[in-house]
Amino acid sequence: MIDVSGPVTIGNSRIGLHMALSGAALIYAAEPSIAALVAEGRLRVVLEEWGSRGEAFHIYYSSRRQVPSSLRLLIDLIREIRPMGF
């Protein structure tokens, strides 16, 4: 763990991204969500050794019959954004 002193901790990704784009912050973000910004040179990867090396997210739930509506919405969103995990 890295202890970073600073006046602001942001839990909102839009605000964090805006701050990073303006040079005022570092953000921890999923690569696909910032890949275009990195390719354009608007953001750059730092602390690369601290990044996740996992291939994907996985969702495990106990029953397909009684899936809570909020979980169903999340699963549908993930499938829409990244169909079949690709």
PDB file of N, CA and C in Angstrom:
ATOM      1  N   MET A   1       0.842  -1.168   0.000  1.00  0.00           N
ATOM      2  CA  MET A   1       0.000   0.000   0.000  1.00  0.00           C
ATOM      3  C   MET A   1       0.892   1.238   0.000  1.00  0.00           C
ATOM      4  N   ILE A   2       0.426   2.244  -0.710  1.00  0.00           N
ATOM      5  CA  ILE A   2       1.149   3.502  -0.764  1.00  0.00           C
ATOM      6  C   ILE A   2       0.346   4.533   0.017  1.00  0.00           C
ATOM      7  N   ASP A   3       0.964   5.168   0.980  1.00  0.00           N
ATOM      8  CA  ASP A   3       0.302   6.222   1.739  1.00  0.00           C
ATOM      9  C   ASP A   3       0.557   7.535   1.014  1.00  0.00           C
ATOM     10  N   VAL A   4      -0.498   8.106   0.474  1.00  0.00           N
ATOM     11  CA  VAL A   4      -0.379   9.346  -0.288  1.00  0.00           C
ATOM     12  C   VAL A   4      -1.037  10.457   0.501  1.00  0.00           C
ATOM     13  N   SER A   5      -0.252  11.450   0.829  1.00  0.00           N
ATOM     14  CA  SER A   5      -0.845  12.582   1.528  1.00  0.00           C
ATOM     15  C   SER A   5      -1.349  13.567   0.480  1.00  0.00           C
ATOM     16  N   GLY A   6      -2.451  14.157   0.753  1.00  0.00           N
ATOM     17  CA  GLY A   6      -3.012  15.117  -0.177  1.00  0.00           C
ATOM     18  C   GLY A   6      -4.324  15.638   0.355  1.00  0.00           C
ATOM     19  N   PRO A   7      -4.745  16.770  -0.149  1.00  0.00           N
ATOM     20  CA  PRO A   7      -5.938  17.398   0.386  1.00  0.00           C
ATOM     21  C   PRO A   7      -7.261  16.801  -0.100  1.00  0.00           C
ATOM     22  N   VAL A   8      -7.239  15.948  -1.150  1.00  0.00           N
ATOM     23  CA  VAL A   8      -8.501  15.504  -1.740  1.00  0.00           C
ATOM     24  C   VAL A   8      -8.470  14.010  -2.043  1.00  0.00           C
ATOM     25  N   THR A   9      -9.529  13.321  -1.687  1.00  0.00           N
ATOM     26  CA  THR A   9      -9.765  11.957  -2.131  1.00  0.00           C
ATOM     27  C   THR A   9     -11.116  11.964  -2.832  1.00  0.00           C
ATOM     28  N   ILE A  10     -11.157  11.507  -4.071  1.00  0.00           N
ATOM     29  CA  ILE A  10     -12.371  11.565  -4.882  1.00  0.00           C
ATOM     30  C   ILE A  10     -12.921  10.156  -5.069  1.00  0.00           C
ATOM     31  N   GLY A  11     -14.195   9.982  -4.817  1.00  0.00           N
ATOM     32  CA  GLY A  11     -14.857   8.707  -5.044  1.00  0.00           C
ATOM     33  C   GLY A  11     -15.755   8.739  -6.266  1.00  0.00           C
ATOM     34  N   ASN A  12     -15.692   9.815  -7.037  1.00  0.00           N
ATOM     35  CA  ASN A  12     -16.528   9.970  -8.220  1.00  0.00           C
ATOM     36  C   ASN A  12     -15.611   9.925  -9.441  1.00  0.00           C
ATOM     37  N   SER A  13     -15.820   8.946 -10.315  1.00  0.00           N
ATOM     38  CA  SER A  13     -14.894   8.756 -11.426  1.00  0.00           C
ATOM     39  C   SER A  13     -14.904   9.913 -12.417  1.00  0.00           C
ATOM     40  N   ARG A  14     -16.034  10.549 -12.628  1.00  0.00           N
ATOM     41  CA  ARG A  14     -16.073  11.686 -13.564  1.00  0.00           C
ATOM     42  C   ARG A  14     -15.243  12.859 -13.053  1.00  0.00           C
ATOM     43  N   ILE A  15     -15.393  13.146 -11.779  1.00  0.00           N
ATOM     44  CA  ILE A  15     -14.617  14.242 -11.198  1.00  0.00           C
ATOM     45  C   ILE A  15     -13.135  13.885 -11.189  1.00  0.00           C
ATOM     46  N   GLY A  16     -12.814  12.645 -10.809  1.00  0.00           N
ATOM     47  CA  GLY A  16     -11.422  12.198 -10.810  1.00  0.00           C
ATOM     48  C   GLY A  16     -10.808  12.274 -12.197  1.00  0.00           C
ATOM     49  N   LEU A  17     -11.552  11.859 -13.211  1.00  0.00           N
ATOM     50  CA  LEU A  17     -11.052  11.919 -14.579  1.00  0.00           C
ATOM     51  C   LEU A  17     -10.828  13.368 -15.001  1.00  0.00           C
ATOM     52  N   HIS A  18     -11.760  14.236 -14.688  1.00  0.00           N
ATOM     53  CA  HIS A  18     -11.606  15.657 -15.006  1.00  0.00           C
ATOM     54  C   HIS A  18     -10.351  16.223 -14.342  1.00  0.00           C
ATOM     55  N   MET A  19     -10.137  15.876 -13.085  1.00  0.00           N
ATOM     56  CA  MET A  19      -8.953  16.352 -12.371  1.00  0.00           C
ATOM     57  C   MET A  19      -7.668  15.805 -12.995  1.00  0.00           C
ATOM     58  N   ALA A  20      -7.681  14.528 -13.378  1.00  0.00           N
ATOM     59  CA  ALA A  20      -6.491  13.937 -14.004  1.00  0.00           C
ATOM     60  C   ALA A  20      -6.201  14.601 -15.349  1.00  0.00           C
ATOM     61  N   LEU A  21      -7.247  14.846 -16.126  1.00  0.00           N
ATOM     62  CA  LEU A  21      -7.057  15.497 -17.422  1.00  0.00           C
ATOM     63  C   LEU A  21      -6.513  16.917 -17.278  1.00  0.00           C
ATOM     64  N   SER A  22      -6.824  17.554 -16.154  1.00  0.00           N
ATOM     65  CA  SER A  22      -6.314  18.909 -15.942  1.00  0.00           C
ATOM     66  C   SER A  22      -4.950  18.907 -15.253  1.00  0.00           C
ATOM     67  N   GLY A  23      -4.418  17.708 -14.946  1.00  0.00           N
ATOM     68  CA  GLY A  23      -3.102  17.600 -14.338  1.00  0.00           C
ATOM     69  C   GLY A  23      -3.092  17.744 -12.833  1.00  0.00           C
ATOM     70  N   ALA A  24      -4.271  17.674 -12.216  1.00  0.00           N
ATOM     71  CA  ALA A  24      -4.364  17.891 -10.772  1.00  0.00           C
ATOM     72  C   ALA A  24      -4.478  16.603  -9.968  1.00  0.00           C
ATOM     73  N   ALA A  25      -4.478  15.429 -10.617  1.00  0.00           N
ATOM     74  CA  ALA A  25      -4.715  14.202  -9.866  1.00  0.00           C
ATOM     75  C   ALA A  25      -4.161  12.988 -10.598  1.00  0.00           C
ATOM     76  N   LEU A  26      -3.986  11.925  -9.828  1.00  0.00           N
ATOM     77  CA  LEU A  26      -3.757  10.587 -10.358  1.00  0.00           C
ATOM     78  C   LEU A  26      -5.062   9.837 -10.187  1.00  0.00           C
ATOM     79  N   ILE A  27      -5.399   8.969 -11.127  1.00  0.00           N
ATOM     80  CA  ILE A  27      -6.615   8.162 -10.985  1.00  0.00           C
ATOM     81  C   ILE A  27      -6.262   6.690 -11.187  1.00  0.00           C
ATOM     82  N   TYR A  28      -7.067   5.836 -10.565  1.00  0.00           N
ATOM     83  CA  TYR A  28      -6.988   4.394 -10.767  1.00  0.00           C
ATOM     84  C   TYR A  28      -8.235   4.051 -11.562  1.00  0.00           C
ATOM     85  N   ALA A  29      -8.057   3.601 -12.810  1.00  0.00           N
ATOM     86  CA  ALA A  29      -9.205   3.388 -13.687  1.00  0.00           C
ATOM     87  C   ALA A  29      -9.021   2.113 -14.494  1.00  0.00           C
ATOM     88  N   ALA A  30     -10.135   1.555 -14.936  1.00  0.00           N
ATOM     89  CA  ALA A  30     -10.088   0.395 -15.821  1.00  0.00           C
ATOM     90  C   ALA A  30      -9.508   0.825 -17.167  1.00  0.00           C
ATOM     91  N   GLU A  31      -8.561   0.064 -17.670  1.00  0.00           N
ATOM     92  CA  GLU A  31      -7.872   0.435 -18.903  1.00  0.00           C
ATOM     93  C   GLU A  31      -8.818   0.742 -20.062  1.00  0.00           C
ATOM     94  N   PRO A  32      -9.846  -0.083 -20.318  1.00  0.00           N
ATOM     95  CA  PRO A  32     -10.717   0.229 -21.456  1.00  0.00           C
ATOM     96  C   PRO A  32     -11.401   1.595 -21.351  1.00  0.00           C
ATOM     97  N   SER A  33     -11.624   2.060 -20.138  1.00  0.00           N
ATOM     98  CA  SER A  33     -12.328   3.333 -19.986  1.00  0.00           C
ATOM     99  C   SER A  33     -11.430   4.541 -20.270  1.00  0.00           C
ATOM    100  N   ILE A  34     -10.115   4.353 -20.278  1.00  0.00           N
ATOM    101  CA  ILE A  34      -9.204   5.476 -20.528  1.00  0.00           C
ATOM    102  C   ILE A  34      -8.250   5.218 -21.691  1.00  0.00           C
ATOM    103  N   ALA A  35      -8.378   4.085 -22.364  1.00  0.00           N
ATOM    104  CA  ALA A  35      -7.436   3.707 -23.423  1.00  0.00           C
ATOM    105  C   ALA A  35      -7.338   4.768 -24.516  1.00  0.00           C
ATOM    106  N   ALA A  36      -8.454   5.326 -24.937  1.00  0.00           N
ATOM    107  CA  ALA A  36      -8.432   6.340 -25.990  1.00  0.00           C
ATOM    108  C   ALA A  36      -7.694   7.590 -25.517  1.00  0.00           C
ATOM    109  N   LEU A  37      -7.898   7.974 -24.266  1.00  0.00           N
ATOM    110  CA  LEU A  37      -7.235   9.161 -23.720  1.00  0.00           C
ATOM    111  C   LEU A  37      -5.729   8.948 -23.622  1.00  0.00           C
ATOM    112  N   VAL A  38      -5.320   7.727 -23.289  1.00  0.00           N
ATOM    113  CA  VAL A  38      -3.886   7.401 -23.237  1.00  0.00           C
ATOM    114  C   VAL A  38      -3.320   7.420 -24.659  1.00  0.00           C
ATOM    115  N   ALA A  39      -4.036   6.831 -25.619  1.00  0.00           N
ATOM    116  CA  ALA A  39      -3.578   6.801 -27.009  1.00  0.00           C
ATOM    117  C   ALA A  39      -3.440   8.211 -27.581  1.00  0.00           C
ATOM    118  N   GLU A  40      -4.330   9.107 -27.173  1.00  0.00           N
ATOM    119  CA  GLU A  40      -4.285  10.502 -27.637  1.00  0.00           C
ATOM    120  C   GLU A  40      -3.204  11.310 -26.926  1.00  0.00           C
ATOM    121  N   GLY A  41      -2.624  10.746 -25.870  1.00  0.00           N
ATOM    122  CA  GLY A  41      -1.618  11.456 -25.106  1.00  0.00           C
ATOM    123  C   GLY A  41      -2.190  12.417 -24.078  1.00  0.00           C
ATOM    124  N   ARG A  42      -3.495  12.352 -23.867  1.00  0.00           N
ATOM    125  CA  ARG A  42      -4.127  13.236 -22.886  1.00  0.00           C
ATOM    126  C   ARG A  42      -3.915  12.729 -21.464  1.00  0.00           C
ATOM    127  N   LEU A  43      -3.729  11.416 -21.315  1.00  0.00           N
ATOM    128  CA  LEU A  43      -3.373  10.797 -20.040  1.00  0.00           C
ATOM    129  C   LEU A  43      -2.175   9.903 -20.290  1.00  0.00           C
ATOM    130  N   ARG A  44      -1.434   9.607 -19.226  1.00  0.00           N
ATOM    131  CA  ARG A  44      -0.350   8.634 -19.350  1.00  0.00           C
ATOM    132  C   ARG A  44      -0.383   7.701 -18.152  1.00  0.00           C
ATOM    133  N   VAL A  45       0.095   6.504 -18.370  1.00  0.00           N
ATOM    134  CA  VAL A  45       0.103   5.482 -17.331  1.00  0.00           C
ATOM    135  C   VAL A  45       1.314   5.712 -16.433  1.00  0.00           C
ATOM    136  N   VAL A  46       1.060   5.751 -15.129  1.00  0.00           N
ATOM    137  CA  VAL A  46       2.122   5.847 -14.125  1.00  0.00           C
ATOM    138  C   VAL A  46       1.874   4.742 -13.103  1.00  0.00           C
ATOM    139  N   LEU A  47       2.878   4.411 -12.336  1.00  0.00           N
ATOM    140  CA  LEU A  47       2.765   3.334 -11.332  1.00  0.00           C
ATOM    141  C   LEU A  47       2.220   2.048 -11.957  1.00  0.00           C
ATOM    142  N   GLU A  48       2.698   1.728 -13.159  1.00  0.00           N
ATOM    143  CA  GLU A  48       2.189   0.578 -13.898  1.00  0.00           C
ATOM    144  C   GLU A  48       2.314  -0.735 -13.115  1.00  0.00           C
ATOM    145  N   GLU A  49       3.349  -0.848 -12.297  1.00  0.00           N
ATOM    146  CA  GLU A  49       3.540  -2.083 -11.523  1.00  0.00           C
ATOM    147  C   GLU A  49       2.443  -2.293 -10.483  1.00  0.00           C
ATOM    148  N   TRP A  50       1.645  -1.269 -10.195  1.00  0.00           N
ATOM    149  CA  TRP A  50       0.550  -1.384  -9.231  1.00  0.00           C
ATOM    150  C   TRP A  50      -0.777  -1.721  -9.903  1.00  0.00           C
ATOM    151  N   GLY A  51      -0.787  -1.823 -11.225  1.00  0.00           N
ATOM    152  CA  GLY A  51      -2.021  -2.121 -11.950  1.00  0.00           C
ATOM    153  C   GLY A  51      -2.420  -3.581 -11.817  1.00  0.00           C
ATOM    154  N   SER A  52      -3.674  -3.836 -12.045  1.00  0.00           N
ATOM    155  CA  SER A  52      -4.197  -5.200 -12.003  1.00  0.00           C
ATOM    156  C   SER A  52      -3.735  -5.969 -13.229  1.00  0.00           C
ATOM    157  N   ARG A  53      -3.389  -7.211 -13.043  1.00  0.00           N
ATOM    158  CA  ARG A  53      -2.976  -8.065 -14.151  1.00  0.00           C
ATOM    159  C   ARG A  53      -4.051  -9.074 -14.516  1.00  0.00           C
ATOM    160  N   GLY A  54      -5.197  -8.980 -13.883  1.00  0.00           N
ATOM    161  CA  GLY A  54      -6.277  -9.920 -14.157  1.00  0.00           C
ATOM    162  C   GLY A  54      -6.858  -9.729 -15.548  1.00  0.00           C
ATOM    163  N   GLU A  55      -7.454 -10.784 -16.084  1.00  0.00           N
ATOM    164  CA  GLU A  55      -8.003 -10.716 -17.431  1.00  0.00           C
ATOM    165  C   GLU A  55      -9.365 -10.048 -17.483  1.00  0.00           C
ATOM    166  N   ALA A  56     -10.203 -10.283 -16.485  1.00  0.00           N
ATOM    167  CA  ALA A  56     -11.570  -9.768 -16.579  1.00  0.00           C
ATOM    168  C   ALA A  56     -12.256  -9.834 -15.225  1.00  0.00           C
ATOM    169  N   PHE A  57     -13.421  -9.266 -15.183  1.00  0.00           N
ATOM    170  CA  PHE A  57     -14.271  -9.385 -14.007  1.00  0.00           C
ATOM    171  C   PHE A  57     -15.124 -10.633 -14.152  1.00  0.00           C
ATOM    172  N   HIS A  58     -15.448 -11.241 -13.038  1.00  0.00           N
ATOM    173  CA  HIS A  58     -16.330 -12.405 -13.042  1.00  0.00           C
ATOM    174  C   HIS A  58     -17.426 -12.160 -12.015  1.00  0.00           C
ATOM    175  N   ILE A  59     -18.625 -12.567 -12.354  1.00  0.00           N
ATOM    176  CA  ILE A  59     -19.747 -12.418 -11.422  1.00  0.00           C
ATOM    177  C   ILE A  59     -20.252 -13.811 -11.073  1.00  0.00           C
ATOM    178  N   TYR A  60     -20.280 -14.101  -9.787  1.00  0.00           N
ATOM    179  CA  TYR A  60     -20.821 -15.361  -9.305  1.00  0.00           C
ATOM    180  C   TYR A  60     -22.040 -15.055  -8.450  1.00  0.00           C
ATOM    181  N   TYR A  61     -23.122 -15.756  -8.698  1.00  0.00           N
ATOM    182  CA  TYR A  61     -24.300 -15.604  -7.873  1.00  0.00           C
ATOM    183  C   TYR A  61     -24.973 -16.957  -7.740  1.00  0.00           C
ATOM    184  N   SER A  62     -25.716 -17.119  -6.686  1.00  0.00           N
ATOM    185  CA  SER A  62     -26.181 -18.450  -6.296  1.00  0.00           C
ATOM    186  C   SER A  62     -27.318 -19.012  -7.140  1.00  0.00           C
ATOM    187  N   SER A  63     -28.138 -18.189  -7.732  1.00  0.00           N
ATOM    188  CA  SER A  63     -29.291 -18.716  -8.450  1.00  0.00           C
ATOM    189  C   SER A  63     -29.652 -17.821  -9.629  1.00  0.00           C
ATOM    190  N   ARG A  64     -29.938 -18.415 -10.748  1.00  0.00           N
ATOM    191  CA  ARG A  64     -30.401 -17.637 -11.898  1.00  0.00           C
ATOM    192  C   ARG A  64     -31.896 -17.349 -11.777  1.00  0.00           C
ATOM    193  N   ARG A  65     -32.564 -18.023 -10.893  1.00  0.00           N
ATOM    194  CA  ARG A  65     -34.020 -17.845 -10.737  1.00  0.00           C
ATOM    195  C   ARG A  65     -34.373 -16.617  -9.917  1.00  0.00           C
ATOM    196  N   GLN A  66     -33.570 -16.318  -8.915  1.00  0.00           N
ATOM    197  CA  GLN A  66     -33.905 -15.229  -8.005  1.00  0.00           C
ATOM    198  C   GLN A  66     -32.772 -14.202  -7.958  1.00  0.00           C
ATOM    199  N   VAL A  67     -32.491 -13.611  -9.094  1.00  0.00           N
ATOM    200  CA  VAL A  67     -31.442 -12.601  -9.173  1.00  0.00           C
ATOM    201  C   VAL A  67     -32.049 -11.255  -8.786  1.00  0.00           C
ATOM    202  N   PRO A  68     -31.477 -10.582  -7.794  1.00  0.00           N
ATOM    203  CA  PRO A  68     -31.982  -9.260  -7.423  1.00  0.00           C
ATOM    204  C   PRO A  68     -31.944  -8.315  -8.626  1.00  0.00           C
ATOM    205  N   SER A  69     -32.905  -7.428  -8.723  1.00  0.00           N
ATOM    206  CA  SER A  69     -33.005  -6.549  -9.891  1.00  0.00           C
ATOM    207  C   SER A  69     -31.748  -5.696 -10.081  1.00  0.00           C
ATOM    208  N   SER A  70     -31.143  -5.234  -8.981  1.00  0.00           N
ATOM    209  CA  SER A  70     -29.934  -4.419  -9.119  1.00  0.00           C
ATOM    210  C   SER A  70     -28.781  -5.234  -9.706  1.00  0.00           C
ATOM    211  N   LEU A  71     -28.661  -6.501  -9.312  1.00  0.00           N
ATOM    212  CA  LEU A  71     -27.628  -7.361  -9.875  1.00  0.00           C
ATOM    213  C   LEU A  71     -27.922  -7.650 -11.337  1.00  0.00           C
ATOM    214  N   ARG A  72     -29.174  -7.877 -11.677  1.00  0.00           N
ATOM    215  CA  ARG A  72     -29.569  -8.122 -13.072  1.00  0.00           C
ATOM    216  C   ARG A  72     -29.202  -6.917 -13.938  1.00  0.00           C
ATOM    217  N   LEU A  73     -29.445  -5.704 -13.441  1.00  0.00           N
ATOM    218  CA  LEU A  73     -29.101  -4.496 -14.195  1.00  0.00           C
ATOM    219  C   LEU A  73     -27.588  -4.400 -14.404  1.00  0.00           C
ATOM    220  N   LEU A  74     -26.814  -4.718 -13.376  1.00  0.00           N
ATOM    221  CA  LEU A  74     -25.359  -4.687 -13.500  1.00  0.00           C
ATOM    222  C   LEU A  74     -24.888  -5.703 -14.538  1.00  0.00           C
ATOM    223  N   ILE A  75     -25.390  -6.913 -14.483  1.00  0.00           N
ATOM    224  CA  ILE A  75     -25.007  -7.961 -15.437  1.00  0.00           C
ATOM    225  C   ILE A  75     -25.352  -7.530 -16.856  1.00  0.00           C
ATOM    226  N   ASP A  76     -26.543  -6.978 -17.044  1.00  0.00           N
ATOM    227  CA  ASP A  76     -26.954  -6.520 -18.374  1.00  0.00           C
ATOM    228  C   ASP A  76     -26.059  -5.399 -18.885  1.00  0.00           C
ATOM    229  N   LEU A  77     -25.685  -4.478 -18.003  1.00  0.00           N
ATOM    230  CA  LEU A  77     -24.801  -3.383 -18.386  1.00  0.00           C
ATOM    231  C   LEU A  77     -23.430  -3.903 -18.798  1.00  0.00           C
ATOM    232  N   ILE A  78     -22.869  -4.820 -18.015  1.00  0.00           N
ATOM    233  CA  ILE A  78     -21.570  -5.392 -18.348  1.00  0.00           C
ATOM    234  C   ILE A  78     -21.625  -6.116 -19.685  1.00  0.00           C
ATOM    235  N   ARG A  79     -22.686  -6.851 -19.926  1.00  0.00           N
ATOM    236  CA  ARG A  79     -22.822  -7.553 -21.204  1.00  0.00           C
ATOM    237  C   ARG A  79     -22.959  -6.583 -22.364  1.00  0.00           C
ATOM    238  N   GLU A  80     -23.613  -5.456 -22.140  1.00  0.00           N
ATOM    239  CA  GLU A  80     -23.772  -4.453 -23.190  1.00  0.00           C
ATOM    240  C   GLU A  80     -22.439  -3.786 -23.515  1.00  0.00           C
ATOM    241  N   ILE A  81     -21.686  -3.476 -22.477  1.00  0.00           N
ATOM    242  CA  ILE A  81     -20.406  -2.793 -22.675  1.00  0.00           C
ATOM    243  C   ILE A  81     -19.347  -3.743 -23.216  1.00  0.00           C
ATOM    244  N   ARG A  82     -19.262  -4.924 -22.660  1.00  0.00           N
ATOM    245  CA  ARG A  82     -18.248  -5.908 -23.065  1.00  0.00           C
ATOM    246  C   ARG A  82     -18.914  -7.256 -23.344  1.00  0.00           C
ATOM    247  N   PRO A  83     -19.568  -7.413 -24.493  1.00  0.00           N
ATOM    248  CA  PRO A  83     -20.269  -8.661 -24.773  1.00  0.00           C
ATOM    249  C   PRO A  83     -19.343  -9.880 -24.713  1.00  0.00           C
ATOM    250  N   MET A  84     -19.771 -10.887 -24.018  1.00  0.00           N
ATOM    251  CA  MET A  84     -19.053 -12.153 -23.893  1.00  0.00           C
ATOM    252  C   MET A  84     -17.637 -11.974 -23.350  1.00  0.00           C
ATOM    253  N   GLY A  85     -17.390 -10.908 -22.621  1.00  0.00           N
ATOM    254  CA  GLY A  85     -16.095 -10.707 -21.997  1.00  0.00           C
ATOM    255  C   GLY A  85     -15.000 -10.223 -22.930  1.00  0.00           C
ATOM    256  N   PHE A  86     -15.358  -9.820 -24.149  1.00  0.00           N
ATOM    257  CA  PHE A  86     -14.339  -9.352 -25.093  1.00  0.00           C
ATOM    258  C   PHE A  86     -14.323  -7.860 -25.201  1.00  0.00           C
TER     259      PHE A  86
END
